[in-house]
Amino acid sequence: MSTEIVPSNVLLPGHDVPLGRYTTVRRLLPHRERRMVGAWCFVDHFGPDDVRGRPGMQVPPHPHTGLQTVTWLVDGIIEHRDSLGSHQLIAPGQLNLMTSGHGIAHSEYTPPDHPDGMHGLQLWLALPDAARGGPAGFEHHADLPSYRDGGATVTVVIGRLGTHASPATVFSPLVGAEILFAGAGRITLPLTPGFEHGILVMSGDAAVDGTPLEPGSLLYLGDGRQSVTVDGGGTARVFLLGGEPFEEPLVMWWNFVGRSHEDIVRAREQWMAGERFGTVAGCEAAPLPAPELPTVRLKARDRHGRTR
């Protein structure tokens, strides 16, 4: 007898988290109800903010292990520098993708001469065990596949949606796509049944399979779906996340994704000692010191939040 996979909708409201001195983000993942969506293990939504006369994003050099960072802007500009020597401005509609591998450091700043607004997403993808100890890398993609349907423009930022595939490097099957409505409209998106999916609303009024969503919230859709219908009430912008369920338990602490308490302790010690992660050339700010570790042992958790 086959077992039918029943999709489940779980609304995950975000909570505000300060990012540096000048930026507050809405953190949607990890959430107590859902730690991951596929390999997506961290989702921050920032803005829309008015940054006229303000510094905007100011994040000094800091380290990463075991993940990819996905930066997607819809307003504003951010200057990226990393310890590979990469120096890249990212503008709306472009993708910055950084693979930490064994270890990398980077900084993110809004340049002094910047637009009036800032709005976007900062996301992490957990690297599978086979890739997390590999080399670091950085990619910038200014030309991404897109198509129009049902009054909406769909941009495949990373991974694959239907017949459209992003050129960005990934290490597990997944999708990340923006859906932008210029006016009221409806679109039915093809989904991969073996993926789990979620949809977050960045701006405007939208409903997913009839469930109305407010900006800064994420609707977890479960798995087993062939498609999902999104209604945009006027101008609206939503983002689809999905991927094969990530079965490896993770330890996530500060900017590190590991598999054990010892992984995190080692990464922290090496960052504080100036080892492993390199130097971010061209950034005059002092590197961020790592916070103190908790007094209890960090535990690996699976995608449901269960300890292993």
C-alpha atoms as a PDB file:
ATOM      1  CA  MET A   1       0.000   0.000   0.000  1.00  0.00           C
ATOM      2  CA  SER A   2       1.395   3.428  -0.943  1.00  0.00           C
ATOM      3  CA  THR A   3       1.381   6.245   1.575  1.00  0.00           C
ATOM      4  CA  GLU A   4      -0.076   9.516   0.330  1.00  0.00           C
ATOM      5  CA  ILE A   5       1.926  12.600   1.224  1.00  0.00           C
ATOM      6  CA  VAL A   6      -0.479  15.218   2.541  1.00  0.00           C
ATOM      7  CA  PRO A   7       0.629  18.859   2.151  1.00  0.00           C
ATOM      8  CA  SER A   8       0.485  20.920   5.327  1.00  0.00           C
ATOM      9  CA  ASN A   9       0.303  24.701   5.604  1.00  0.00           C
ATOM     10  CA  VAL A  10       2.028  26.242   8.618  1.00  0.00           C
ATOM     11  CA  LEU A  11       2.212  30.039   8.961  1.00  0.00           C
ATOM     12  CA  LEU A  12       5.578  31.181  10.325  1.00  0.00           C
ATOM     13  CA  PRO A  13       5.548  34.848  11.394  1.00  0.00           C
ATOM     14  CA  GLY A  14       8.913  36.550  11.549  1.00  0.00           C
ATOM     15  CA  HIS A  15      10.503  38.274  14.524  1.00  0.00           C
ATOM     16  CA  ASP A  16      12.707  41.371  14.511  1.00  0.00           C
ATOM     17  CA  VAL A  17      16.461  40.969  15.005  1.00  0.00           C
ATOM     18  CA  PRO A  18      18.989  43.846  14.975  1.00  0.00           C
ATOM     19  CA  LEU A  19      21.730  43.408  12.371  1.00  0.00           C
ATOM     20  CA  GLY A  20      24.549  45.725  13.345  1.00  0.00           C
ATOM     21  CA  ARG A  21      23.759  49.243  14.535  1.00  0.00           C
ATOM     22  CA  TYR A  22      21.581  50.459  11.707  1.00  0.00           C
ATOM     23  CA  THR A  23      19.541  47.577  10.277  1.00  0.00           C
ATOM     24  CA  THR A  24      16.727  45.456  11.700  1.00  0.00           C
ATOM     25  CA  VAL A  25      15.692  42.271   9.905  1.00  0.00           C
ATOM     26  CA  ARG A  26      12.686  39.974  10.180  1.00  0.00           C
ATOM     27  CA  ARG A  27      13.983  36.472  10.817  1.00  0.00           C
ATOM     28  CA  LEU A  28      11.738  33.776   9.345  1.00  0.00           C
ATOM     29  CA  LEU A  29      14.040  30.747   9.584  1.00  0.00           C
ATOM     30  CA  PRO A  30      15.027  28.988  11.725  1.00  0.00           C
ATOM     31  CA  HIS A  31      11.638  29.010  13.485  1.00  0.00           C
ATOM     32  CA  ARG A  32      10.446  26.965  16.423  1.00  0.00           C
ATOM     33  CA  GLU A  33       7.777  25.431  14.172  1.00  0.00           C
ATOM     34  CA  ARG A  34      10.100  24.710  11.257  1.00  0.00           C
ATOM     35  CA  ARG A  35      13.896  24.837  11.219  1.00  0.00           C
ATOM     36  CA  MET A  36      14.450  24.364   7.486  1.00  0.00           C
ATOM     37  CA  VAL A  37      12.794  24.272   4.068  1.00  0.00           C
ATOM     38  CA  GLY A  38      14.919  21.914   2.009  1.00  0.00           C
ATOM     39  CA  ALA A  39      18.510  23.118   2.432  1.00  0.00           C
ATOM     40  CA  TRP A  40      17.286  26.644   3.269  1.00  0.00           C
ATOM     41  CA  CYS A  41      18.237  27.037   6.927  1.00  0.00           C
ATOM     42  CA  PHE A  42      18.198  30.800   7.476  1.00  0.00           C
ATOM     43  CA  VAL A  43      15.951  33.527   6.068  1.00  0.00           C
ATOM     44  CA  ASP A  44      16.213  37.228   6.901  1.00  0.00           C
ATOM     45  CA  HIS A  45      13.921  39.789   5.247  1.00  0.00           C
ATOM     46  CA  PHE A  46      15.006  43.429   5.569  1.00  0.00           C
ATOM     47  CA  GLY A  47      13.089  46.550   4.581  1.00  0.00           C
ATOM     48  CA  PRO A  48      11.537  48.224   2.845  1.00  0.00           C
ATOM     49  CA  ASP A  49      13.476  50.920   4.719  1.00  0.00           C
ATOM     50  CA  ASP A  50      14.006  54.603   4.022  1.00  0.00           C
ATOM     51  CA  VAL A  51      17.775  55.102   4.318  1.00  0.00           C
ATOM     52  CA  ARG A  52      17.946  58.729   3.222  1.00  0.00           C
ATOM     53  CA  GLY A  53      20.607  60.359   5.394  1.00  0.00           C
ATOM     54  CA  ARG A  54      21.317  57.002   7.091  1.00  0.00           C
ATOM     55  CA  PRO A  55      24.198  54.550   6.674  1.00  0.00           C
ATOM     56  CA  GLY A  56      22.082  51.544   5.711  1.00  0.00           C
ATOM     57  CA  MET A  57      23.683  48.110   6.082  1.00  0.00           C
ATOM     58  CA  GLN A  58      26.989  48.162   7.970  1.00  0.00           C
ATOM     59  CA  VAL A  59      28.256  44.634   8.671  1.00  0.00           C
ATOM     60  CA  PRO A  60      32.019  44.325   9.378  1.00  0.00           C
ATOM     61  CA  PRO A  61      34.074  41.273   8.429  1.00  0.00           C
ATOM     62  CA  HIS A  62      32.689  38.071   9.935  1.00  0.00           C
ATOM     63  CA  PRO A  63      33.190  34.332   9.262  1.00  0.00           C
ATOM     64  CA  HIS A  64      31.066  31.542   7.814  1.00  0.00           C
ATOM     65  CA  THR A  65      31.386  27.772   7.609  1.00  0.00           C
ATOM     66  CA  GLY A  66      29.226  25.013   6.150  1.00  0.00           C
ATOM     67  CA  LEU A  67      26.820  27.182   4.134  1.00  0.00           C
ATOM     68  CA  GLN A  68      26.093  29.337   1.104  1.00  0.00           C
ATOM     69  CA  THR A  69      24.859  32.919   1.479  1.00  0.00           C
ATOM     70  CA  VAL A  70      22.234  34.102  -1.009  1.00  0.00           C
ATOM     71  CA  THR A  71      21.770  37.886  -1.232  1.00  0.00           C
ATOM     72  CA  TRP A  72      18.796  39.225  -3.209  1.00  0.00           C
ATOM     73  CA  LEU A  73      17.925  42.925  -3.428  1.00  0.00           C
ATOM     74  CA  VAL A  74      14.796  44.616  -4.704  1.00  0.00           C
ATOM     75  CA  ASP A  75      15.877  48.118  -3.655  1.00  0.00           C
ATOM     76  CA  GLY A  76      19.187  49.665  -2.701  1.00  0.00           C
ATOM     77  CA  ILE A  77      22.791  48.621  -3.180  1.00  0.00           C
ATOM     78  CA  ILE A  78      25.274  46.594  -1.094  1.00  0.00           C
ATOM     79  CA  GLU A  79      29.048  46.333  -1.423  1.00  0.00           C
ATOM     80  CA  HIS A  80      30.431  42.832  -0.844  1.00  0.00           C
ATOM     81  CA  ARG A  81      34.055  42.044  -0.013  1.00  0.00           C
ATOM     82  CA  ASP A  82      35.444  38.677   1.049  1.00  0.00           C
ATOM     83  CA  SER A  83      38.653  36.921   1.985  1.00  0.00           C
ATOM     84  CA  LEU A  84      39.004  35.462  -1.523  1.00  0.00           C
ATOM     85  CA  GLY A  85      39.576  39.011  -2.773  1.00  0.00           C
ATOM     86  CA  SER A  86      36.091  39.359  -4.268  1.00  0.00           C
ATOM     87  CA  HIS A  87      34.732  42.919  -4.463  1.00  0.00           C
ATOM     88  CA  GLN A  88      31.243  43.249  -5.889  1.00  0.00           C
ATOM     89  CA  LEU A  89      28.377  45.741  -5.799  1.00  0.00           C
ATOM     90  CA  ILE A  90      24.964  44.087  -5.903  1.00  0.00           C
ATOM     91  CA  ALA A  91      21.927  45.922  -7.255  1.00  0.00           C
ATOM     92  CA  PRO A  92      18.247  44.933  -7.481  1.00  0.00           C
ATOM     93  CA  GLY A  93      17.547  41.890  -9.633  1.00  0.00           C
ATOM     94  CA  GLN A  94      21.063  40.505  -9.223  1.00  0.00           C
ATOM     95  CA  LEU A  95      22.332  37.553  -7.203  1.00  0.00           C
ATOM     96  CA  ASN A  96      25.362  37.405  -4.934  1.00  0.00           C
ATOM     97  CA  LEU A  97      26.153  33.814  -3.979  1.00  0.00           C
ATOM     98  CA  MET A  98      28.982  33.025  -1.568  1.00  0.00           C
ATOM     99  CA  THR A  99      30.017  29.461  -0.745  1.00  0.00           C
ATOM    100  CA  SER A 100      31.815  29.235   2.571  1.00  0.00           C
ATOM    101  CA  GLY A 101      33.064  25.682   2.225  1.00  0.00           C
ATOM    102  CA  HIS A 102      35.680  25.100   4.916  1.00  0.00           C
ATOM    103  CA  GLY A 103      35.700  28.783   5.816  1.00  0.00           C
ATOM    104  CA  ILE A 104      35.408  32.323   4.465  1.00  0.00           C
ATOM    105  CA  ALA A 105      35.041  35.851   5.839  1.00  0.00           C
ATOM    106  CA  HIS A 106      33.144  38.742   4.252  1.00  0.00           C
ATOM    107  CA  SER A 107      31.753  42.220   4.870  1.00  0.00           C
ATOM    108  CA  GLU A 108      28.566  43.895   3.620  1.00  0.00           C
ATOM    109  CA  TYR A 109      28.163  47.664   3.453  1.00  0.00           C
ATOM    110  CA  THR A 110      25.794  50.145   1.917  1.00  0.00           C
ATOM    111  CA  PRO A 111      28.060  52.630   0.100  1.00  0.00           C
ATOM    112  CA  PRO A 112      27.946  56.284   1.238  1.00  0.00           C
ATOM    113  CA  ASP A 113      26.371  57.321  -2.081  1.00  0.00           C
ATOM    114  CA  HIS A 114      23.313  55.082  -2.108  1.00  0.00           C
ATOM    115  CA  PRO A 115      19.643  55.065  -3.183  1.00  0.00           C
ATOM    116  CA  ASP A 116      16.941  56.220  -0.773  1.00  0.00           C
ATOM    117  CA  GLY A 117      15.533  52.742  -0.101  1.00  0.00           C
ATOM    118  CA  MET A 118      16.786  49.339   0.982  1.00  0.00           C
ATOM    119  CA  HIS A 119      14.843  46.093   0.698  1.00  0.00           C
ATOM    120  CA  GLY A 120      15.899  42.512   0.203  1.00  0.00           C
ATOM    121  CA  LEU A 121      16.640  39.032   1.481  1.00  0.00           C
ATOM    122  CA  GLN A 122      19.666  37.433   3.092  1.00  0.00           C
ATOM    123  CA  LEU A 123      19.393  33.634   3.057  1.00  0.00           C
ATOM    124  CA  TRP A 124      21.576  30.646   3.902  1.00  0.00           C
ATOM    125  CA  LEU A 125      21.722  27.241   2.300  1.00  0.00           C
ATOM    126  CA  ALA A 126      23.194  24.433   4.394  1.00  0.00           C
ATOM    127  CA  LEU A 127      25.932  22.573   2.551  1.00  0.00           C
ATOM    128  CA  PRO A 128      25.694  18.777   2.582  1.00  0.00           C
ATOM    129  CA  ASP A 129      28.491  16.957   4.353  1.00  0.00           C
ATOM    130  CA  ALA A 130      30.250  16.100   1.091  1.00  0.00           C
ATOM    131  CA  ALA A 131      30.645  19.810   0.222  1.00  0.00           C
ATOM    132  CA  ARG A 132      30.985  21.614   3.535  1.00  0.00           C
ATOM    133  CA  GLY A 133      34.727  21.019   3.825  1.00  0.00           C
ATOM    134  CA  GLY A 134      35.422  22.063   0.242  1.00  0.00           C
ATOM    135  CA  PRO A 135      36.857  25.271  -1.187  1.00  0.00           C
ATOM    136  CA  ALA A 136      35.210  28.653  -0.720  1.00  0.00           C
ATOM    137  CA  GLY A 137      33.767  30.481  -3.702  1.00  0.00           C
ATOM    138  CA  PHE A 138      31.909  33.596  -4.817  1.00  0.00           C
ATOM    139  CA  GLU A 139      29.578  34.205  -7.787  1.00  0.00           C
ATOM    140  CA  HIS A 140      27.708  37.250  -9.069  1.00  0.00           C
ATOM    141  CA  HIS A 141      24.849  36.721 -11.518  1.00  0.00           C
ATOM    142  CA  ALA A 142      23.320  39.796 -13.152  1.00  0.00           C
ATOM    143  CA  ASP A 143      21.377  37.832 -15.800  1.00  0.00           C
ATOM    144  CA  LEU A 144      18.867  35.333 -14.424  1.00  0.00           C
ATOM    145  CA  PRO A 145      16.109  33.398 -16.230  1.00  0.00           C
ATOM    146  CA  SER A 146      12.610  34.870 -16.009  1.00  0.00           C
ATOM    147  CA  TYR A 147       9.188  34.473 -17.589  1.00  0.00           C
ATOM    148  CA  ARG A 148       5.726  36.048 -17.429  1.00  0.00           C
ATOM    149  CA  ASP A 149       2.514  34.235 -16.559  1.00  0.00           C
ATOM    150  CA  GLY A 150      -0.818  35.237 -15.027  1.00  0.00           C
ATOM    151  CA  GLY A 151       0.118  38.897 -14.701  1.00  0.00           C
ATOM    152  CA  ALA A 152       3.325  38.056 -12.808  1.00  0.00           C
ATOM    153  CA  THR A 153       7.021  37.987 -13.642  1.00  0.00           C
ATOM    154  CA  VAL A 154       8.866  34.959 -12.244  1.00  0.00           C
ATOM    155  CA  THR A 155      12.653  35.155 -11.800  1.00  0.00           C
ATOM    156  CA  VAL A 156      14.476  31.918 -11.007  1.00  0.00           C
ATOM    157  CA  VAL A 157      17.170  33.190  -8.650  1.00  0.00           C
ATOM    158  CA  ILE A 158      18.760  29.854  -7.791  1.00  0.00           C
ATOM    159  CA  GLY A 159      18.038  26.214  -8.543  1.00  0.00           C
ATOM    160  CA  ARG A 160      15.288  25.120 -10.933  1.00  0.00           C
ATOM    161  CA  LEU A 161      11.584  25.896 -11.352  1.00  0.00           C
ATOM    162  CA  GLY A 162       9.842  23.898 -14.048  1.00  0.00           C
ATOM    163  CA  THR A 163      11.924  24.220 -17.227  1.00  0.00           C
ATOM    164  CA  HIS A 164      13.837  27.289 -16.039  1.00  0.00           C
ATOM    165  CA  ALA A 165      17.199  26.915 -14.274  1.00  0.00           C
ATOM    166  CA  SER A 166      19.489  29.498 -12.678  1.00  0.00           C
ATOM    167  CA  PRO A 167      23.207  29.402 -13.563  1.00  0.00           C
ATOM    168  CA  ALA A 168      24.155  29.662  -9.872  1.00  0.00           C
ATOM    169  CA  THR A 169      26.053  26.753  -8.295  1.00  0.00           C
ATOM    170  CA  VAL A 170      24.095  24.572  -5.872  1.00  0.00           C
ATOM    171  CA  PHE A 171      25.005  21.437  -3.937  1.00  0.00           C
ATOM    172  CA  SER A 172      21.541  19.919  -3.450  1.00  0.00           C
ATOM    173  CA  PRO A 173      18.308  20.000  -5.516  1.00  0.00           C
ATOM    174  CA  LEU A 174      16.415  23.213  -4.660  1.00  0.00           C
ATOM    175  CA  VAL A 175      14.615  26.306  -5.873  1.00  0.00           C
ATOM    176  CA  GLY A 176      14.548  29.984  -4.978  1.00  0.00           C
ATOM    177  CA  ALA A 177      12.356  32.209  -7.160  1.00  0.00           C
ATOM    178  CA  GLU A 178      10.810  35.681  -6.976  1.00  0.00           C
ATOM    179  CA  ILE A 179       7.249  36.301  -8.197  1.00  0.00           C
ATOM    180  CA  LEU A 180       6.428  39.954  -8.888  1.00  0.00           C
ATOM    181  CA  PHE A 181       2.875  41.128  -9.641  1.00  0.00           C
ATOM    182  CA  ALA A 182       2.535  44.453 -11.472  1.00  0.00           C
ATOM    183  CA  GLY A 183      -1.198  44.453 -10.678  1.00  0.00           C
ATOM    184  CA  ALA A 184      -3.889  42.103  -9.511  1.00  0.00           C
ATOM    185  CA  GLY A 185      -3.291  38.648 -10.948  1.00  0.00           C
ATOM    186  CA  ARG A 186      -2.991  34.924 -10.357  1.00  0.00           C
ATOM    187  CA  ILE A 187      -0.276  32.430 -11.155  1.00  0.00           C
ATOM    188  CA  THR A 188      -0.011  28.675 -10.655  1.00  0.00           C
ATOM    189  CA  LEU A 189       3.589  27.629 -10.054  1.00  0.00           C
ATOM    190  CA  PRO A 190       4.817  24.116 -10.887  1.00  0.00           C
ATOM    191  CA  LEU A 191       6.361  22.375  -7.883  1.00  0.00           C
ATOM    192  CA  THR A 192       8.525  19.286  -7.483  1.00  0.00           C
ATOM    193  CA  PRO A 193       6.570  16.802  -5.317  1.00  0.00           C
ATOM    194  CA  GLY A 194       9.752  15.471  -3.720  1.00  0.00           C
ATOM    195  CA  PHE A 195      10.612  18.972  -2.459  1.00  0.00           C
ATOM    196  CA  GLU A 196       9.210  20.758   0.572  1.00  0.00           C
ATOM    197  CA  HIS A 197       8.299  24.374  -0.127  1.00  0.00           C
ATOM    198  CA  GLY A 198       7.547  27.677   1.532  1.00  0.00           C
ATOM    199  CA  ILE A 199       6.464  31.095   0.263  1.00  0.00           C
ATOM    200  CA  LEU A 200       7.279  34.407   1.929  1.00  0.00           C
ATOM    201  CA  VAL A 201       5.706  37.764   1.144  1.00  0.00           C
ATOM    202  CA  MET A 202       8.119  40.664   0.757  1.00  0.00           C
ATOM    203  CA  SER A 203       5.590  43.398  -0.058  1.00  0.00           C
ATOM    204  CA  GLY A 204       1.958  43.963  -1.008  1.00  0.00           C
ATOM    205  CA  ASP A 205      -1.101  41.783  -0.545  1.00  0.00           C
ATOM    206  CA  ALA A 206      -0.893  38.147  -1.554  1.00  0.00           C
ATOM    207  CA  ALA A 207      -2.723  34.895  -0.918  1.00  0.00           C
ATOM    208  CA  VAL A 208      -1.281  31.401  -1.303  1.00  0.00           C
ATOM    209  CA  ASP A 209      -3.855  28.698  -2.072  1.00  0.00           C
ATOM    210  CA  GLY A 210      -6.442  31.079  -0.621  1.00  0.00           C
ATOM    211  CA  THR A 211      -4.479  31.839   2.571  1.00  0.00           C
ATOM    212  CA  PRO A 212      -3.862  35.608   2.870  1.00  0.00           C
ATOM    213  CA  LEU A 213      -0.329  36.537   3.909  1.00  0.00           C
ATOM    214  CA  GLU A 214       1.157  39.737   5.276  1.00  0.00           C
ATOM    215  CA  PRO A 215       4.622  41.022   4.346  1.00  0.00           C
ATOM    216  CA  GLY A 216       7.300  39.508   6.549  1.00  0.00           C
ATOM    217  CA  SER A 217       5.601  36.119   6.985  1.00  0.00           C
ATOM    218  CA  LEU A 218       6.428  32.672   5.611  1.00  0.00           C
ATOM    219  CA  LEU A 219       3.897  29.965   4.767  1.00  0.00           C
ATOM    220  CA  TYR A 220       5.381  26.469   4.960  1.00  0.00           C
ATOM    221  CA  LEU A 221       3.648  24.295   2.349  1.00  0.00           C
ATOM    222  CA  GLY A 222       4.993  20.865   3.225  1.00  0.00           C
ATOM    223  CA  ASP A 223       5.865  18.392   0.467  1.00  0.00           C
ATOM    224  CA  GLY A 224       4.029  16.248  -2.047  1.00  0.00           C
ATOM    225  CA  ARG A 225       2.658  19.187  -4.047  1.00  0.00           C
ATOM    226  CA  GLN A 226       2.478  19.363  -7.827  1.00  0.00           C
ATOM    227  CA  SER A 227       1.668  23.091  -7.865  1.00  0.00           C
ATOM    228  CA  VAL A 228       0.674  26.114  -5.800  1.00  0.00           C
ATOM    229  CA  THR A 229      -1.548  29.077  -6.720  1.00  0.00           C
ATOM    230  CA  VAL A 230      -0.551  32.593  -5.733  1.00  0.00           C
ATOM    231  CA  ASP A 231      -2.896  35.590  -5.992  1.00  0.00           C
ATOM    232  CA  GLY A 232      -1.468  39.095  -5.995  1.00  0.00           C
ATOM    233  CA  GLY A 233      -3.837  41.854  -4.935  1.00  0.00           C
ATOM    234  CA  GLY A 234      -2.331  44.754  -6.845  1.00  0.00           C
ATOM    235  CA  THR A 235       1.440  45.096  -6.735  1.00  0.00           C
ATOM    236  CA  ALA A 236       2.926  42.301  -4.644  1.00  0.00           C
ATOM    237  CA  ARG A 237       6.258  40.539  -4.377  1.00  0.00           C
ATOM    238  CA  VAL A 238       6.656  37.010  -3.007  1.00  0.00           C
ATOM    239  CA  PHE A 239       9.554  34.560  -2.872  1.00  0.00           C
ATOM    240  CA  LEU A 240       9.343  30.786  -3.279  1.00  0.00           C
ATOM    241  CA  LEU A 241      11.760  28.537  -1.371  1.00  0.00           C
ATOM    242  CA  GLY A 242      12.033  24.798  -1.818  1.00  0.00           C
ATOM    243  CA  GLY A 243      14.263  21.791  -1.945  1.00  0.00           C
ATOM    244  CA  GLU A 244      14.729  18.143  -1.138  1.00  0.00           C
ATOM    245  CA  PRO A 245      14.296  17.598   2.617  1.00  0.00           C
ATOM    246  CA  PHE A 246      17.722  18.021   4.219  1.00  0.00           C
ATOM    247  CA  GLU A 247      18.261  14.907   6.292  1.00  0.00           C
ATOM    248  CA  GLU A 248      21.609  15.724   7.936  1.00  0.00           C
ATOM    249  CA  PRO A 249      21.332  17.069  11.518  1.00  0.00           C
ATOM    250  CA  LEU A 250      22.926  20.496  11.935  1.00  0.00           C
ATOM    251  CA  VAL A 251      24.427  22.606  14.685  1.00  0.00           C
ATOM    252  CA  MET A 252      23.805  26.283  13.883  1.00  0.00           C
ATOM    253  CA  TRP A 253      25.451  28.886  16.086  1.00  0.00           C
ATOM    254  CA  TRP A 254      26.303  32.495  15.234  1.00  0.00           C
ATOM    255  CA  ASN A 255      27.633  32.408  11.657  1.00  0.00           C
ATOM    256  CA  PHE A 256      28.624  28.754  11.623  1.00  0.00           C
ATOM    257  CA  VAL A 257      26.803  25.651  10.387  1.00  0.00           C
ATOM    258  CA  GLY A 258      28.407  22.432  11.619  1.00  0.00           C
ATOM    259  CA  ARG A 259      27.578  18.910  12.629  1.00  0.00           C
ATOM    260  CA  SER A 260      28.786  18.862  16.234  1.00  0.00           C
ATOM    261  CA  HIS A 261      29.589  21.010  19.251  1.00  0.00           C
ATOM    262  CA  GLU A 262      33.261  20.443  18.492  1.00  0.00           C
ATOM    263  CA  ASP A 263      32.852  21.833  14.948  1.00  0.00           C
ATOM    264  CA  ILE A 264      31.539  25.102  16.348  1.00  0.00           C
ATOM    265  CA  VAL A 265      34.119  25.395  19.122  1.00  0.00           C
ATOM    266  CA  ARG A 266      36.944  24.834  16.626  1.00  0.00           C
ATOM    267  CA  ALA A 267      35.577  27.406  14.156  1.00  0.00           C
ATOM    268  CA  ARG A 268      35.156  30.013  16.892  1.00  0.00           C
ATOM    269  CA  GLU A 269      38.656  29.466  18.257  1.00  0.00           C
ATOM    270  CA  GLN A 270      40.192  29.735  14.800  1.00  0.00           C
ATOM    271  CA  TRP A 271      38.276  32.920  13.968  1.00  0.00           C
ATOM    272  CA  MET A 272      39.342  34.583  17.206  1.00  0.00           C
ATOM    273  CA  ALA A 273      42.949  33.491  16.593  1.00  0.00           C
ATOM    274  CA  GLY A 274      42.953  34.952  13.078  1.00  0.00           C
ATOM    275  CA  GLU A 275      43.268  31.526  11.469  1.00  0.00           C
ATOM    276  CA  ARG A 276      41.383  29.607   8.756  1.00  0.00           C
ATOM    277  CA  PHE A 277      39.123  32.393   7.423  1.00  0.00           C
ATOM    278  CA  GLY A 278      41.552  34.842   5.834  1.00  0.00           C
ATOM    279  CA  THR A 279      41.386  38.630   5.700  1.00  0.00           C
ATOM    280  CA  VAL A 280      38.829  40.870   3.979  1.00  0.00           C
ATOM    281  CA  ALA A 281      41.049  43.238   2.015  1.00  0.00           C
ATOM    282  CA  GLY A 282      39.765  46.751   1.371  1.00  0.00           C
ATOM    283  CA  CYS A 283      37.519  46.844   4.440  1.00  0.00           C
ATOM    284  CA  GLU A 284      38.850  49.165   7.134  1.00  0.00           C
ATOM    285  CA  ALA A 285      36.454  48.000   9.856  1.00  0.00           C
ATOM    286  CA  ALA A 286      37.710  45.664  12.559  1.00  0.00           C
ATOM    287  CA  PRO A 287      36.454  42.067  12.307  1.00  0.00           C
ATOM    288  CA  LEU A 288      33.465  41.169  14.454  1.00  0.00           C
ATOM    289  CA  PRO A 289      34.458  39.245  17.591  1.00  0.00           C
ATOM    290  CA  ALA A 290      32.589  35.996  18.131  1.00  0.00           C
ATOM    291  CA  PRO A 291      30.162  35.948  21.056  1.00  0.00           C
ATOM    292  CA  GLU A 292      30.849  33.733  24.019  1.00  0.00           C
ATOM    293  CA  LEU A 293      29.698  30.164  23.651  1.00  0.00           C
ATOM    294  CA  PRO A 294      26.762  29.044  25.805  1.00  0.00           C
ATOM    295  CA  THR A 295      27.608  27.165  28.978  1.00  0.00           C
ATOM    296  CA  VAL A 296      25.717  24.088  27.757  1.00  0.00           C
ATOM    297  CA  ARG A 297      26.801  21.750  24.985  1.00  0.00           C
ATOM    298  CA  LEU A 298      25.424  22.611  21.549  1.00  0.00           C
ATOM    299  CA  LYS A 299      23.281  19.817  20.121  1.00  0.00           C
ATOM    300  CA  ALA A 300      22.737  18.781  16.530  1.00  0.00           C
ATOM    301  CA  ARG A 301      19.097  19.085  15.448  1.00  0.00           C
ATOM    302  CA  ASP A 302      17.308  17.643  12.455  1.00  0.00           C
ATOM    303  CA  ARG A 303      15.010  19.628  10.161  1.00  0.00           C
ATOM    304  CA  HIS A 304      12.097  19.080  12.572  1.00  0.00           C
ATOM    305  CA  GLY A 305      14.076  20.498  15.506  1.00  0.00           C
ATOM    306  CA  ARG A 306      14.657  17.132  17.169  1.00  0.00           C
ATOM    307  CA  THR A 307      18.026  16.641  18.843  1.00  0.00           C
ATOM    308  CA  ARG A 308      20.331  13.872  17.678  1.00  0.00           C
END
